[in-house]
Amino acid sequence: MVIATIRMMIPPKKSDEALKILRSTAEWSKIKPGCLSSRIYEDELEDNFLMFEEIWRSEEDLECHLRSDDYRNVLLVLEMASKQPEIRFDIISRSTGIETIEKARSNAR
């Protein structure tokens, strides 16, 4: 699994356009093979910051997406940023859920 995250500062004048593009891309991504999730977040603590997050089943699925025409729209939004965007690709080899909390809590007693 790969978590692709882009955090960017978008000038207020370009915010509506950037959100429109990212929403469209997120909707298209969700129907692509290998896309597990696609979301957009607005930072409540820092004005003008957006985060675009996608979760892909594999590196191959992500790479196919990065080469797609749809992804060019994301690159256009990156060009709107007023500061260098933070871009991360985290490759996850293992994931757990509530059982990790239960295990930690039971060992604390």
N, C-alpha and C. Protein backbone atom coordinates (compact mmCIF):
# COMPACT_ATOMS: atom_id res chain seq x y z
N MET A 1 0.85 -1.17 0.00
CA MET A 1 0.00 0.00 0.00
C MET A 1 0.90 1.24 0.00
N VAL A 2 0.48 2.28 -0.72
CA VAL A 2 1.23 3.53 -0.79
C VAL A 2 0.30 4.69 -0.45
N ILE A 3 0.74 5.53 0.47
CA ILE A 3 0.00 6.74 0.80
C ILE A 3 0.73 7.91 0.16
N ALA A 4 0.04 8.57 -0.77
CA ALA A 4 0.60 9.73 -1.47
C ALA A 4 -0.01 10.98 -0.86
N THR A 5 0.84 11.87 -0.36
CA THR A 5 0.36 13.07 0.32
C THR A 5 1.04 14.30 -0.26
N ILE A 6 0.22 15.29 -0.58
CA ILE A 6 0.74 16.59 -1.01
C ILE A 6 0.12 17.65 -0.12
N ARG A 7 0.97 18.42 0.54
CA ARG A 7 0.51 19.53 1.38
C ARG A 7 1.03 20.80 0.74
N MET A 8 0.12 21.75 0.47
CA MET A 8 0.52 22.95 -0.26
C MET A 8 -0.20 24.19 0.23
N MET A 9 0.48 25.31 0.10
CA MET A 9 -0.10 26.61 0.43
C MET A 9 -0.59 27.23 -0.87
N ILE A 10 -1.89 27.47 -0.95
CA ILE A 10 -2.49 28.04 -2.15
C ILE A 10 -2.95 29.46 -1.85
N PRO A 11 -2.56 30.43 -2.67
CA PRO A 11 -3.01 31.81 -2.45
C PRO A 11 -4.54 31.88 -2.46
N PRO A 12 -5.13 32.72 -1.62
CA PRO A 12 -6.60 32.83 -1.54
C PRO A 12 -7.27 33.04 -2.90
N LYS A 13 -6.65 33.81 -3.79
CA LYS A 13 -7.25 34.08 -5.10
C LYS A 13 -7.34 32.82 -5.98
N LYS A 14 -6.51 31.83 -5.69
CA LYS A 14 -6.49 30.62 -6.50
C LYS A 14 -7.11 29.42 -5.79
N SER A 15 -7.57 29.62 -4.57
CA SER A 15 -8.08 28.53 -3.75
C SER A 15 -9.28 27.82 -4.37
N ASP A 16 -10.26 28.58 -4.86
CA ASP A 16 -11.45 27.96 -5.46
C ASP A 16 -11.09 27.11 -6.67
N GLU A 17 -10.23 27.64 -7.51
CA GLU A 17 -9.81 26.91 -8.71
C GLU A 17 -9.05 25.63 -8.33
N ALA A 18 -8.15 25.75 -7.35
CA ALA A 18 -7.37 24.60 -6.91
C ALA A 18 -8.28 23.52 -6.33
N LEU A 19 -9.24 23.91 -5.51
CA LEU A 19 -10.17 22.94 -4.92
C LEU A 19 -11.02 22.26 -5.99
N LYS A 20 -11.46 23.01 -6.96
CA LYS A 20 -12.26 22.45 -8.05
C LYS A 20 -11.47 21.37 -8.80
N ILE A 21 -10.22 21.67 -9.12
CA ILE A 21 -9.36 20.72 -9.83
C ILE A 21 -9.10 19.49 -8.97
N LEU A 22 -8.76 19.70 -7.70
CA LEU A 22 -8.45 18.56 -6.83
C LEU A 22 -9.68 17.69 -6.59
N ARG A 23 -10.84 18.31 -6.43
CA ARG A 23 -12.07 17.51 -6.25
C ARG A 23 -12.35 16.64 -7.47
N SER A 24 -12.17 17.22 -8.64
CA SER A 24 -12.38 16.45 -9.88
C SER A 24 -11.39 15.29 -9.96
N THR A 25 -10.14 15.56 -9.66
CA THR A 25 -9.11 14.51 -9.70
C THR A 25 -9.41 13.43 -8.67
N ALA A 26 -9.83 13.84 -7.47
CA ALA A 26 -10.15 12.87 -6.42
C ALA A 26 -11.28 11.95 -6.85
N GLU A 27 -12.30 12.50 -7.49
CA GLU A 27 -13.42 11.69 -7.96
C GLU A 27 -12.98 10.69 -9.02
N TRP A 28 -12.16 11.13 -9.97
CA TRP A 28 -11.65 10.22 -11.01
C TRP A 28 -10.74 9.15 -10.41
N SER A 29 -9.92 9.55 -9.45
CA SER A 29 -9.00 8.59 -8.84
C SER A 29 -9.75 7.45 -8.17
N LYS A 30 -10.85 7.77 -7.51
CA LYS A 30 -11.60 6.76 -6.75
C LYS A 30 -12.10 5.61 -7.62
N ILE A 31 -12.28 5.85 -8.90
CA ILE A 31 -12.80 4.78 -9.77
C ILE A 31 -11.68 4.06 -10.53
N LYS A 32 -10.45 4.49 -10.33
CA LYS A 32 -9.32 3.84 -11.00
C LYS A 32 -8.94 2.55 -10.27
N PRO A 33 -8.52 1.54 -11.03
CA PRO A 33 -8.06 0.31 -10.39
C PRO A 33 -6.89 0.59 -9.44
N GLY A 34 -6.99 0.05 -8.24
CA GLY A 34 -5.91 0.19 -7.27
C GLY A 34 -6.06 1.36 -6.32
N CYS A 35 -6.98 2.28 -6.58
CA CYS A 35 -7.16 3.42 -5.67
C CYS A 35 -8.06 2.99 -4.52
N LEU A 36 -7.54 3.08 -3.31
CA LEU A 36 -8.30 2.70 -2.12
C LEU A 36 -9.00 3.90 -1.50
N SER A 37 -8.45 5.10 -1.72
CA SER A 37 -9.01 6.31 -1.13
C SER A 37 -8.41 7.53 -1.79
N SER A 38 -9.19 8.60 -1.85
CA SER A 38 -8.70 9.88 -2.37
C SER A 38 -9.46 10.98 -1.62
N ARG A 39 -8.71 11.85 -0.93
CA ARG A 39 -9.34 12.87 -0.08
C ARG A 39 -8.60 14.21 -0.17
N ILE A 40 -9.35 15.26 0.14
CA ILE A 40 -8.80 16.62 0.19
C ILE A 40 -9.10 17.17 1.58
N TYR A 41 -8.10 17.77 2.21
CA TYR A 41 -8.27 18.36 3.53
C TYR A 41 -7.86 19.82 3.49
N GLU A 42 -8.59 20.65 4.24
CA GLU A 42 -8.20 22.04 4.44
C GLU A 42 -7.70 22.16 5.86
N ASP A 43 -6.54 22.77 6.05
CA ASP A 43 -5.94 22.90 7.37
C ASP A 43 -6.68 23.97 8.16
N GLU A 44 -7.23 23.58 9.30
CA GLU A 44 -7.97 24.51 10.15
C GLU A 44 -7.04 25.42 10.95
N LEU A 45 -5.80 25.00 11.14
CA LEU A 45 -4.86 25.77 11.95
C LEU A 45 -4.00 26.73 11.15
N GLU A 46 -3.80 26.42 9.87
CA GLU A 46 -2.98 27.27 9.01
C GLU A 46 -3.80 27.68 7.79
N ASP A 47 -4.00 28.96 7.63
CA ASP A 47 -4.77 29.46 6.50
C ASP A 47 -4.10 29.12 5.18
N ASN A 48 -4.94 28.84 4.20
CA ASN A 48 -4.52 28.64 2.81
C ASN A 48 -3.78 27.34 2.55
N PHE A 49 -3.78 26.41 3.48
CA PHE A 49 -3.11 25.14 3.26
C PHE A 49 -4.12 24.07 2.89
N LEU A 50 -3.81 23.31 1.85
CA LEU A 50 -4.61 22.16 1.43
C LEU A 50 -3.74 20.92 1.48
N MET A 51 -4.39 19.79 1.72
CA MET A 51 -3.67 18.53 1.64
C MET A 51 -4.47 17.59 0.75
N PHE A 52 -3.80 17.00 -0.21
CA PHE A 52 -4.39 16.04 -1.13
C PHE A 52 -3.76 14.70 -0.81
N GLU A 53 -4.61 13.73 -0.44
CA GLU A 53 -4.11 12.42 -0.03
C GLU A 53 -4.79 11.32 -0.85
N GLU A 54 -3.97 10.42 -1.34
CA GLU A 54 -4.48 9.25 -2.05
C GLU A 54 -3.81 8.01 -1.47
N ILE A 55 -4.58 6.94 -1.40
CA ILE A 55 -4.04 5.66 -0.93
C ILE A 55 -4.20 4.66 -2.06
N TRP A 56 -3.07 4.05 -2.43
CA TRP A 56 -3.02 3.11 -3.56
C TRP A 56 -2.65 1.73 -3.09
N ARG A 57 -3.22 0.73 -3.71
CA ARG A 57 -2.97 -0.67 -3.35
C ARG A 57 -1.51 -1.05 -3.54
N SER A 58 -0.87 -0.53 -4.60
CA SER A 58 0.52 -0.92 -4.88
C SER A 58 1.27 0.25 -5.52
N GLU A 59 2.59 0.12 -5.54
CA GLU A 59 3.43 1.12 -6.20
C GLU A 59 3.12 1.16 -7.69
N GLU A 60 2.83 0.01 -8.27
CA GLU A 60 2.52 -0.04 -9.70
C GLU A 60 1.25 0.75 -10.02
N ASP A 61 0.21 0.59 -9.16
CA ASP A 61 -1.03 1.34 -9.36
C ASP A 61 -0.77 2.84 -9.26
N LEU A 62 0.02 3.23 -8.28
CA LEU A 62 0.35 4.66 -8.11
C LEU A 62 1.11 5.18 -9.32
N GLU A 63 2.11 4.44 -9.78
CA GLU A 63 2.92 4.89 -10.93
C GLU A 63 2.07 5.05 -12.18
N CYS A 64 1.12 4.16 -12.37
CA CYS A 64 0.20 4.27 -13.52
C CYS A 64 -0.60 5.57 -13.40
N HIS A 65 -1.06 5.86 -12.21
CA HIS A 65 -1.81 7.10 -11.95
C HIS A 65 -0.94 8.34 -12.19
N LEU A 66 0.30 8.30 -11.72
CA LEU A 66 1.20 9.45 -11.87
C LEU A 66 1.49 9.75 -13.34
N ARG A 67 1.44 8.73 -14.19
CA ARG A 67 1.68 8.91 -15.62
C ARG A 67 0.42 9.34 -16.38
N SER A 68 -0.73 9.31 -15.73
CA SER A 68 -2.00 9.57 -16.41
C SER A 68 -2.21 11.06 -16.73
N ASP A 69 -3.07 11.30 -17.71
CA ASP A 69 -3.43 12.67 -18.05
C ASP A 69 -4.15 13.35 -16.89
N ASP A 70 -4.92 12.58 -16.11
CA ASP A 70 -5.63 13.16 -14.96
C ASP A 70 -4.65 13.77 -13.95
N TYR A 71 -3.51 13.13 -13.79
CA TYR A 71 -2.55 13.62 -12.80
C TYR A 71 -1.92 14.95 -13.21
N ARG A 72 -1.96 15.26 -14.49
CA ARG A 72 -1.45 16.56 -14.93
C ARG A 72 -2.17 17.71 -14.23
N ASN A 73 -3.45 17.49 -13.93
CA ASN A 73 -4.22 18.52 -13.22
C ASN A 73 -3.65 18.77 -11.83
N VAL A 74 -3.20 17.72 -11.17
CA VAL A 74 -2.57 17.88 -9.85
C VAL A 74 -1.29 18.70 -10.00
N LEU A 75 -0.54 18.44 -11.05
CA LEU A 75 0.69 19.19 -11.29
C LEU A 75 0.39 20.67 -11.54
N LEU A 76 -0.74 20.95 -12.18
CA LEU A 76 -1.15 22.35 -12.39
C LEU A 76 -1.42 23.04 -11.05
N VAL A 77 -2.07 22.31 -10.14
CA VAL A 77 -2.33 22.88 -8.81
C VAL A 77 -1.03 23.12 -8.07
N LEU A 78 -0.07 22.22 -8.21
CA LEU A 78 1.23 22.42 -7.55
C LEU A 78 1.89 23.71 -8.02
N GLU A 79 1.69 24.05 -9.28
CA GLU A 79 2.26 25.29 -9.81
C GLU A 79 1.57 26.53 -9.23
N MET A 80 0.37 26.38 -8.70
CA MET A 80 -0.34 27.50 -8.07
C MET A 80 0.18 27.79 -6.67
N ALA A 81 0.86 26.84 -6.07
CA ALA A 81 1.31 26.98 -4.68
C ALA A 81 2.25 28.18 -4.51
N SER A 82 2.08 28.86 -3.38
CA SER A 82 2.91 30.04 -3.12
C SER A 82 4.22 29.67 -2.42
N LYS A 83 4.32 28.44 -1.93
CA LYS A 83 5.54 27.91 -1.33
C LYS A 83 5.78 26.53 -1.91
N GLN A 84 6.99 26.04 -1.79
CA GLN A 84 7.31 24.69 -2.27
C GLN A 84 6.40 23.67 -1.57
N PRO A 85 5.60 22.90 -2.31
CA PRO A 85 4.72 21.90 -1.69
C PRO A 85 5.52 20.78 -1.02
N GLU A 86 4.93 20.20 0.02
CA GLU A 86 5.50 19.03 0.67
C GLU A 86 4.88 17.80 0.00
N ILE A 87 5.69 16.96 -0.59
CA ILE A 87 5.21 15.78 -1.31
C ILE A 87 5.85 14.54 -0.68
N ARG A 88 4.99 13.57 -0.33
CA ARG A 88 5.48 12.33 0.31
C ARG A 88 4.79 11.13 -0.30
N PHE A 89 5.54 10.06 -0.43
CA PHE A 89 5.01 8.77 -0.83
C PHE A 89 5.47 7.77 0.22
N ASP A 90 4.56 7.36 1.07
CA ASP A 90 4.87 6.41 2.15
C ASP A 90 4.43 5.01 1.74
N ILE A 91 5.38 4.10 1.71
CA ILE A 91 5.09 2.72 1.36
C ILE A 91 4.87 1.94 2.65
N ILE A 92 3.66 1.39 2.78
CA ILE A 92 3.26 0.70 4.00
C ILE A 92 3.29 -0.80 3.75
N SER A 93 4.08 -1.52 4.53
CA SER A 93 4.18 -2.96 4.33
C SER A 93 3.22 -3.72 5.25
N ARG A 94 2.75 -3.04 6.31
CA ARG A 94 1.87 -3.71 7.27
C ARG A 94 0.97 -2.66 7.89
N SER A 95 -0.25 -3.06 8.17
CA SER A 95 -1.21 -2.15 8.77
C SER A 95 -2.06 -2.92 9.79
N THR A 96 -2.35 -2.29 10.91
CA THR A 96 -3.19 -2.93 11.93
C THR A 96 -4.32 -1.98 12.31
N GLY A 97 -5.20 -2.46 13.16
CA GLY A 97 -6.34 -1.66 13.58
C GLY A 97 -6.49 -1.64 15.10
N ILE A 98 -7.72 -1.77 15.54
CA ILE A 98 -8.06 -1.68 16.95
C ILE A 98 -7.28 -2.68 17.81
N GLU A 99 -6.90 -3.79 17.21
CA GLU A 99 -6.17 -4.81 17.96
C GLU A 99 -4.86 -4.28 18.54
N THR A 100 -4.24 -3.31 17.89
CA THR A 100 -3.01 -2.71 18.41
C THR A 100 -3.29 -1.93 19.68
N ILE A 101 -4.38 -1.19 19.71
CA ILE A 101 -4.78 -0.45 20.91
C ILE A 101 -5.11 -1.43 22.03
N GLU A 102 -5.89 -2.46 21.71
CA GLU A 102 -6.26 -3.45 22.72
C GLU A 102 -5.04 -4.14 23.31
N LYS A 103 -4.10 -4.50 22.47
CA LYS A 103 -2.88 -5.15 22.94
C LYS A 103 -2.08 -4.24 23.86
N ALA A 104 -1.90 -2.99 23.44
CA ALA A 104 -1.13 -2.01 24.24
C ALA A 104 -1.82 -1.76 25.58
N ARG A 105 -3.15 -1.62 25.55
CA ARG A 105 -3.90 -1.34 26.77
C ARG A 105 -3.88 -2.54 27.73
N SER A 106 -3.93 -3.75 27.19
CA SER A 106 -3.93 -4.93 28.06
C SER A 106 -2.54 -5.16 28.67
N ASN A 107 -1.48 -4.76 27.97
CA ASN A 107 -0.12 -4.91 28.50
C ASN A 107 0.21 -3.84 29.54
N ALA A 108 -0.59 -2.77 29.62
CA ALA A 108 -0.33 -1.69 30.56
C ALA A 108 -0.80 -2.03 31.97
N ARG A 109 -1.57 -3.07 32.11
CA ARG A 109 -2.12 -3.43 33.44
C ARG A 109 -1.19 -4.24 34.26
